[in-house]
PDB file of all heavy atoms in Angstrom:
ATOM      1  N   ALA A   1      -2.395  48.560 -13.793  1.00  0.00           N
ATOM      2  CA  ALA A   1      -1.175  48.806 -14.554  1.00  0.00           C
ATOM      3  C   ALA A   1      -1.501  49.319 -15.950  1.00  0.00           C
ATOM      4  O   ALA A   1      -2.614  49.173 -16.441  1.00  0.00           O
ATOM      5  CB  ALA A   1      -0.355  47.521 -14.639  1.00  0.00           C
ATOM      6  N   SER A   2      -0.500  49.873 -16.612  1.00  0.00           N
ATOM      7  CA  SER A   2      -0.668  50.377 -17.969  1.00  0.00           C
ATOM      8  C   SER A   2      -0.783  49.221 -18.952  1.00  0.00           C
ATOM      9  O   SER A   2      -0.469  48.073 -18.632  1.00  0.00           O
ATOM     10  CB  SER A   2       0.530  51.246 -18.351  1.00  0.00           C
ATOM     11  OG  SER A   2       1.693  50.430 -18.516  1.00  0.00           O
ATOM     12  N   PHE A   3      -1.200  49.554 -20.182  1.00  0.00           N
ATOM     13  CA  PHE A   3      -1.325  48.518 -21.201  1.00  0.00           C
ATOM     14  C   PHE A   3       0.036  47.892 -21.498  1.00  0.00           C
ATOM     15  O   PHE A   3       0.125  46.728 -21.893  1.00  0.00           O
ATOM     16  CB  PHE A   3      -1.946  49.093 -22.473  1.00  0.00           C
ATOM     17  CG  PHE A   3      -1.033  49.970 -23.282  1.00  0.00           C
ATOM     18  CD1 PHE A   3      -0.263  49.444 -24.312  1.00  0.00           C
ATOM     19  CD2 PHE A   3      -0.930  51.328 -23.005  1.00  0.00           C
ATOM     20  CE1 PHE A   3       0.580  50.251 -25.054  1.00  0.00           C
ATOM     21  CE2 PHE A   3      -0.080  52.139 -23.747  1.00  0.00           C
ATOM     22  CZ  PHE A   3       0.678  51.599 -24.766  1.00  0.00           C
ATOM     23  N   LYS A   4       1.114  48.650 -21.312  1.00  0.00           N
ATOM     24  CA  LYS A   4       2.452  48.102 -21.534  1.00  0.00           C
ATOM     25  C   LYS A   4       2.731  46.962 -20.557  1.00  0.00           C
ATOM     26  O   LYS A   4       3.270  45.915 -20.933  1.00  0.00           O
ATOM     27  CB  LYS A   4       3.506  49.197 -21.384  1.00  0.00           C
ATOM     28  CG  LYS A   4       3.449  50.280 -22.447  1.00  0.00           C
ATOM     29  CD  LYS A   4       4.543  51.316 -22.222  1.00  0.00           C
ATOM     30  CE  LYS A   4       4.492  52.413 -23.272  1.00  0.00           C
ATOM     31  NZ  LYS A   4       5.541  53.432 -23.054  1.00  0.00           N
ATOM     32  N   ILE A   5       2.369  47.180 -19.305  1.00  0.00           N
ATOM     33  CA  ILE A   5       2.573  46.129 -18.297  1.00  0.00           C
ATOM     34  C   ILE A   5       1.661  44.949 -18.585  1.00  0.00           C
ATOM     35  O   ILE A   5       2.079  43.790 -18.517  1.00  0.00           O
ATOM     36  CB  ILE A   5       2.325  46.684 -16.878  1.00  0.00           C
ATOM     37  CG1 ILE A   5       3.323  47.795 -16.552  1.00  0.00           C
ATOM     38  CG2 ILE A   5       2.404  45.565 -15.855  1.00  0.00           C
ATOM     39  CD1 ILE A   5       4.761  47.356 -16.532  1.00  0.00           C
ATOM     40  N   TRP A   6       0.396  45.226 -18.913  1.00  0.00           N
ATOM     41  CA  TRP A   6      -0.557  44.147 -19.212  1.00  0.00           C
ATOM     42  C   TRP A   6      -0.047  43.245 -20.336  1.00  0.00           C
ATOM     43  O   TRP A   6      -0.254  42.038 -20.306  1.00  0.00           O
ATOM     44  CB  TRP A   6      -1.900  44.755 -19.633  1.00  0.00           C
ATOM     45  CG  TRP A   6      -2.843  44.971 -18.511  1.00  0.00           C
ATOM     46  CD1 TRP A   6      -2.555  45.467 -17.274  1.00  0.00           C
ATOM     47  CD2 TRP A   6      -4.247  44.696 -18.510  1.00  0.00           C
ATOM     48  NE1 TRP A   6      -3.684  45.545 -16.508  1.00  0.00           N
ATOM     49  CE2 TRP A   6      -4.739  45.081 -17.241  1.00  0.00           C
ATOM     50  CE3 TRP A   6      -5.126  44.205 -19.452  1.00  0.00           C
ATOM     51  CZ2 TRP A   6      -6.078  44.948 -16.897  1.00  0.00           C
ATOM     52  CZ3 TRP A   6      -6.466  44.082 -19.112  1.00  0.00           C
ATOM     53  CH2 TRP A   6      -6.933  44.445 -17.853  1.00  0.00           C
ATOM     54  N   ASN A   7       0.612  43.830 -21.320  1.00  0.00           N
ATOM     55  CA  ASN A   7       1.070  43.057 -22.474  1.00  0.00           C
ATOM     56  C   ASN A   7       2.442  42.424 -22.260  1.00  0.00           C
ATOM     57  O   ASN A   7       2.946  41.748 -23.156  1.00  0.00           O
ATOM     58  CB  ASN A   7       1.088  43.945 -23.720  1.00  0.00           C
ATOM     59  CG  ASN A   7      -0.297  44.147 -24.293  1.00  0.00           C
ATOM     60  OD1 ASN A   7      -0.813  43.285 -25.002  1.00  0.00           O
ATOM     61  ND2 ASN A   7      -0.907  45.273 -23.986  1.00  0.00           N
ATOM     62  N   THR A   8       3.025  42.641 -21.097  1.00  0.00           N
ATOM     63  CA  THR A   8       4.346  42.082 -20.804  1.00  0.00           C
ATOM     64  C   THR A   8       4.332  41.200 -19.567  1.00  0.00           C
ATOM     65  O   THR A   8       4.902  40.107 -19.574  1.00  0.00           O
ATOM     66  CB  THR A   8       5.370  43.221 -20.621  1.00  0.00           C
ATOM     67  OG1 THR A   8       5.347  44.075 -21.763  1.00  0.00           O
ATOM     68  CG2 THR A   8       6.776  42.654 -20.454  1.00  0.00           C
ATOM     69  N   ALA A   9       3.700  41.653 -18.494  1.00  0.00           N
ATOM     70  CA  ALA A   9       3.671  40.897 -17.236  1.00  0.00           C
ATOM     71  C   ALA A   9       2.962  39.564 -17.434  1.00  0.00           C
ATOM     72  O   ALA A   9       1.978  39.468 -18.166  1.00  0.00           O
ATOM     73  CB  ALA A   9       2.961  41.711 -16.157  1.00  0.00           C
ATOM     74  N   THR A  10       3.450  38.539 -16.771  1.00  0.00           N
ATOM     75  CA  THR A  10       2.914  37.191 -16.953  1.00  0.00           C
ATOM     76  C   THR A  10       2.229  36.683 -15.693  1.00  0.00           C
ATOM     77  O   THR A  10       2.528  37.119 -14.578  1.00  0.00           O
ATOM     78  CB  THR A  10       4.030  36.215 -17.340  1.00  0.00           C
ATOM     79  OG1 THR A  10       5.006  36.165 -16.283  1.00  0.00           O
ATOM     80  CG2 THR A  10       4.713  36.640 -18.635  1.00  0.00           C
ATOM     81  N   VAL A  11       1.341  35.736 -15.905  1.00  0.00           N
ATOM     82  CA  VAL A  11       0.643  35.099 -14.790  1.00  0.00           C
ATOM     83  C   VAL A  11       1.655  34.414 -13.871  1.00  0.00           C
ATOM     84  O   VAL A  11       1.619  34.569 -12.642  1.00  0.00           O
ATOM     85  CB  VAL A  11      -0.389  34.087 -15.307  1.00  0.00           C
ATOM     86  CG1 VAL A  11      -1.019  33.320 -14.152  1.00  0.00           C
ATOM     87  CG2 VAL A  11      -1.467  34.798 -16.126  1.00  0.00           C
ATOM     88  N   GLY A  12       2.573  33.653 -14.467  1.00  0.00           N
ATOM     89  CA  GLY A  12       3.560  32.942 -13.671  1.00  0.00           C
ATOM     90  C   GLY A  12       4.490  33.871 -12.930  1.00  0.00           C
ATOM     91  O   GLY A  12       4.862  33.613 -11.775  1.00  0.00           O
ATOM     92  N   GLY A  13       4.883  34.961 -13.579  1.00  0.00           N
ATOM     93  CA  GLY A  13       5.763  35.912 -12.916  1.00  0.00           C
ATOM     94  C   GLY A  13       5.113  36.522 -11.698  1.00  0.00           C
ATOM     95  O   GLY A  13       5.753  36.691 -10.651  1.00  0.00           O
ATOM     96  N   ASN A  14       3.830  36.855 -11.806  1.00  0.00           N
ATOM     97  CA  ASN A  14       3.117  37.439 -10.674  1.00  0.00           C
ATOM     98  C   ASN A  14       3.016  36.462  -9.511  1.00  0.00           C
ATOM     99  O   ASN A  14       3.193  36.838  -8.343  1.00  0.00           O
ATOM    100  CB  ASN A  14       1.724  37.881 -11.123  1.00  0.00           C
ATOM    101  CG  ASN A  14       0.982  38.657 -10.063  1.00  0.00           C
ATOM    102  OD1 ASN A  14       0.025  38.160  -9.467  1.00  0.00           O
ATOM    103  ND2 ASN A  14       1.416  39.880  -9.791  1.00  0.00           N
ATOM    104  N   ILE A  15       2.788  35.203  -9.821  1.00  0.00           N
ATOM    105  CA  ILE A  15       2.687  34.194  -8.774  1.00  0.00           C
ATOM    106  C   ILE A  15       4.055  33.932  -8.145  1.00  0.00           C
ATOM    107  O   ILE A  15       4.190  33.826  -6.922  1.00  0.00           O
ATOM    108  CB  ILE A  15       2.066  32.898  -9.331  1.00  0.00           C
ATOM    109  CG1 ILE A  15       0.595  33.149  -9.697  1.00  0.00           C
ATOM    110  CG2 ILE A  15       2.176  31.753  -8.326  1.00  0.00           C
ATOM    111  CD1 ILE A  15      -0.078  31.992 -10.407  1.00  0.00           C
ATOM    112  N   CYS A  16       5.088  33.846  -8.982  1.00  0.00           N
ATOM    113  CA  CYS A  16       6.428  33.549  -8.457  1.00  0.00           C
ATOM    114  C   CYS A  16       7.022  34.714  -7.675  1.00  0.00           C
ATOM    115  O   CYS A  16       7.843  34.492  -6.778  1.00  0.00           O
ATOM    116  CB  CYS A  16       7.360  33.151  -9.588  1.00  0.00           C
ATOM    117  SG  CYS A  16       6.984  31.540 -10.304  1.00  0.00           S
ATOM    118  N   MET A  17       6.635  35.943  -7.980  1.00  0.00           N
ATOM    119  CA  MET A  17       7.076  37.072  -7.168  1.00  0.00           C
ATOM    120  C   MET A  17       6.541  36.952  -5.749  1.00  0.00           C
ATOM    121  O   MET A  17       7.163  37.396  -4.794  1.00  0.00           O
ATOM    122  CB  MET A  17       6.599  38.390  -7.783  1.00  0.00           C
ATOM    123  CG  MET A  17       7.535  38.968  -8.824  1.00  0.00           C
ATOM    124  SD  MET A  17       9.176  39.377  -8.171  1.00  0.00           S
ATOM    125  CE  MET A  17       8.779  40.685  -7.032  1.00  0.00           C
ATOM    126  N   SER A  18       5.351  36.367  -5.629  1.00  0.00           N
ATOM    127  CA  SER A  18       4.761  36.045  -4.326  1.00  0.00           C
ATOM    128  C   SER A  18       4.571  37.269  -3.438  1.00  0.00           C
ATOM    129  O   SER A  18       4.738  37.195  -2.217  1.00  0.00           O
ATOM    130  CB  SER A  18       5.602  34.981  -3.608  1.00  0.00           C
ATOM    131  OG  SER A  18       5.697  33.812  -4.393  1.00  0.00           O
ATOM    132  N   LEU A  19       4.216  38.375  -4.049  1.00  0.00           N
ATOM    133  CA  LEU A  19       3.842  39.550  -3.269  1.00  0.00           C
ATOM    134  C   LEU A  19       2.432  39.345  -2.715  1.00  0.00           C
ATOM    135  O   LEU A  19       1.574  38.769  -3.398  1.00  0.00           O
ATOM    136  CB  LEU A  19       3.867  40.802  -4.142  1.00  0.00           C
ATOM    137  CG  LEU A  19       5.241  41.252  -4.646  1.00  0.00           C
ATOM    138  CD1 LEU A  19       5.083  42.364  -5.678  1.00  0.00           C
ATOM    139  CD2 LEU A  19       6.114  41.722  -3.495  1.00  0.00           C
ATOM    140  N   PRO A  20       2.155  39.797  -1.498  1.00  0.00           N
ATOM    141  CA  PRO A  20       0.803  39.640  -0.949  1.00  0.00           C
ATOM    142  C   PRO A  20      -0.284  40.180  -1.867  1.00  0.00           C
ATOM    143  O   PRO A  20      -1.383  39.626  -1.929  1.00  0.00           O
ATOM    144  CB  PRO A  20       0.872  40.413   0.372  1.00  0.00           C
ATOM    145  CG  PRO A  20       2.301  40.299   0.785  1.00  0.00           C
ATOM    146  CD  PRO A  20       3.083  40.380  -0.505  1.00  0.00           C
ATOM    147  N   ALA A  21       0.021  41.275  -2.592  1.00  0.00           N
ATOM    148  CA  ALA A  21      -0.990  41.906  -3.447  1.00  0.00           C
ATOM    149  C   ALA A  21      -1.078  41.291  -4.832  1.00  0.00           C
ATOM    150  O   ALA A  21      -1.829  41.791  -5.671  1.00  0.00           O
ATOM    151  CB  ALA A  21      -0.684  43.397  -3.571  1.00  0.00           C
ATOM    152  N   GLY A  22      -0.349  40.219  -5.103  1.00  0.00           N
ATOM    153  CA  GLY A  22      -0.374  39.614  -6.432  1.00  0.00           C
ATOM    154  C   GLY A  22      -1.757  39.105  -6.803  1.00  0.00           C
ATOM    155  O   GLY A  22      -2.225  38.107  -6.248  1.00  0.00           O
ATOM    156  N   PRO A  23      -2.448  39.728  -7.768  1.00  0.00           N
ATOM    157  CA  PRO A  23      -3.830  39.343  -8.066  1.00  0.00           C
ATOM    158  C   PRO A  23      -3.958  37.996  -8.767  1.00  0.00           C
ATOM    159  O   PRO A  23      -5.023  37.377  -8.699  1.00  0.00           O
ATOM    160  CB  PRO A  23      -4.343  40.479  -8.942  1.00  0.00           C
ATOM    161  CG  PRO A  23      -3.123  41.067  -9.565  1.00  0.00           C
ATOM    162  CD  PRO A  23      -2.044  40.919  -8.553  1.00  0.00           C
ATOM    163  N   MET A  24      -2.898  37.529  -9.441  1.00  0.00           N
ATOM    164  CA  MET A  24      -2.970  36.198 -10.032  1.00  0.00           C
ATOM    165  C   MET A  24      -2.916  35.122  -8.946  1.00  0.00           C
ATOM    166  O   MET A  24      -3.474  34.032  -9.102  1.00  0.00           O
ATOM    167  CB  MET A  24      -1.848  35.992 -11.038  1.00  0.00           C
ATOM    168  CG  MET A  24      -1.881  36.941 -12.230  1.00  0.00           C
ATOM    169  SD  MET A  24      -3.367  36.739 -13.276  1.00  0.00           S
ATOM    170  CE  MET A  24      -4.455  38.030 -12.631  1.00  0.00           C
ATOM    171  N   ILE A  25      -2.269  35.446  -7.840  1.00  0.00           N
ATOM    172  CA  ILE A  25      -2.285  34.568  -6.670  1.00  0.00           C
ATOM    173  C   ILE A  25      -3.703  34.505  -6.115  1.00  0.00           C
ATOM    174  O   ILE A  25      -4.205  33.424  -5.773  1.00  0.00           O
ATOM    175  CB  ILE A  25      -1.310  35.078  -5.598  1.00  0.00           C
ATOM    176  CG1 ILE A  25       0.126  35.097  -6.137  1.00  0.00           C
ATOM    177  CG2 ILE A  25      -1.392  34.236  -4.332  1.00  0.00           C
ATOM    178  CD1 ILE A  25       1.106  35.828  -5.238  1.00  0.00           C
TER     179      ILE A  25
END
């Protein structure tokens, strides 16, 4: 992802989205 996403997207959000490709998962 871009630096904009890196500075906005959260660890918890990635896990709670529960997409198979979620790298925080």
